Amino acid sequence: MIPFEKTLPYDILMGDVYVQECPFCKKEHILLPLKPRDIVLVHEGKKKLLVFPCCHNKVTILDSDQDYLLTDTVIR
């Protein structure tokens, strides 16, 4: 069972990865320093450090699917 308190919903728009709201500072429409190919690599088993550009908080992305990024931190 997926721990939803550790997931972050994302969208891909024109080759860029966005989240609707930063889980730490609550700023809206954040462009993440990820590309769609990074999400595919995470899904295949590679971990990825994600630093939010708005507040510089960090999480490690452990897995991904079509809608969510699974992190190592409770963010909801």
Protein backbone atom coordinates (compact mmCIF):
# COMPACT_ATOMS: atom_id res chain seq x y z
CA MET A 1 0.00 0.00 0.00
CA ILE A 2 1.33 3.44 -0.96
CA PRO A 3 1.89 5.86 1.95
CA PHE A 4 0.02 8.88 0.58
CA GLU A 5 1.41 11.16 3.27
CA LYS A 6 4.77 10.77 1.49
CA THR A 7 3.52 11.49 -2.03
CA LEU A 8 3.64 14.67 -4.06
CA PRO A 9 1.31 15.14 -7.04
CA TYR A 10 2.97 16.59 -10.13
CA ASP A 11 2.13 17.69 -13.68
CA ILE A 12 4.20 17.74 -16.85
CA LEU A 13 3.54 20.77 -19.05
CA MET A 14 5.53 21.36 -22.24
CA GLY A 15 8.44 19.24 -21.02
CA ASP A 16 8.64 20.83 -17.55
CA VAL A 17 7.65 19.26 -14.23
CA TYR A 18 5.45 21.33 -11.91
CA VAL A 19 3.80 20.89 -8.53
CA GLN A 20 0.70 22.84 -7.59
CA GLU A 21 2.02 23.84 -4.17
CA CYS A 22 5.29 23.52 -2.27
CA PRO A 23 4.67 21.28 0.76
CA PHE A 24 7.05 23.37 2.88
CA CYS A 25 6.48 27.08 2.11
CA LYS A 26 3.05 26.73 0.39
CA LYS A 27 4.07 28.78 -2.65
CA GLU A 28 1.95 27.88 -5.70
CA HIS A 29 2.88 26.63 -9.20
CA ILE A 30 6.46 25.53 -8.59
CA LEU A 31 8.68 24.57 -11.52
CA LEU A 32 10.79 21.66 -10.30
CA PRO A 33 14.40 21.14 -11.38
CA LEU A 34 13.41 17.82 -12.98
CA LYS A 35 12.78 16.68 -16.51
CA PRO A 36 10.35 13.94 -17.57
CA ARG A 37 13.29 11.60 -18.22
CA ASP A 38 14.31 12.01 -14.54
CA ILE A 39 10.87 10.76 -13.50
CA VAL A 40 11.29 7.71 -15.75
CA LEU A 41 14.71 6.99 -14.19
CA VAL A 42 13.22 7.23 -10.69
CA HIS A 43 10.47 4.82 -11.68
CA GLU A 44 13.14 2.39 -12.89
CA GLY A 45 14.81 2.42 -9.45
CA LYS A 46 17.20 5.38 -9.29
CA LYS A 47 16.77 7.72 -6.32
CA LYS A 48 16.80 11.48 -6.97
CA LEU A 49 17.41 14.39 -4.60
CA LEU A 50 14.84 17.14 -5.14
CA VAL A 51 15.63 20.65 -3.90
CA PHE A 52 12.64 22.97 -4.07
CA PRO A 53 13.71 26.22 -5.78
CA CYS A 54 11.35 28.36 -3.69
CA CYS A 55 12.55 27.51 -0.16
CA HIS A 56 15.53 25.15 -0.73
CA ASN A 57 14.04 22.33 1.33
CA LYS A 58 15.11 18.85 0.21
CA VAL A 59 13.44 15.48 -0.23
CA THR A 60 14.62 12.28 -1.85
CA ILE A 61 12.36 10.86 -4.54
CA LEU A 62 12.16 7.08 -4.18
CA ASP A 63 9.59 6.16 -6.84
CA SER A 64 7.15 7.69 -9.29
CA ASP A 65 4.09 6.92 -11.34
CA GLN A 66 1.91 8.88 -13.77
CA ASP A 67 0.58 11.23 -11.08
CA TYR A 68 2.72 11.12 -7.92
CA LEU A 69 6.30 11.27 -6.70
CA LEU A 70 7.01 9.05 -3.68
CA THR A 71 9.41 10.71 -1.24
CA ASP A 72 11.27 9.63 1.89
CA THR A 73 9.64 12.40 3.97
CA VAL A 74 6.12 12.93 5.25
CA ILE A 75 4.99 16.02 3.33
CA ARG A 76 1.21 15.95 3.72
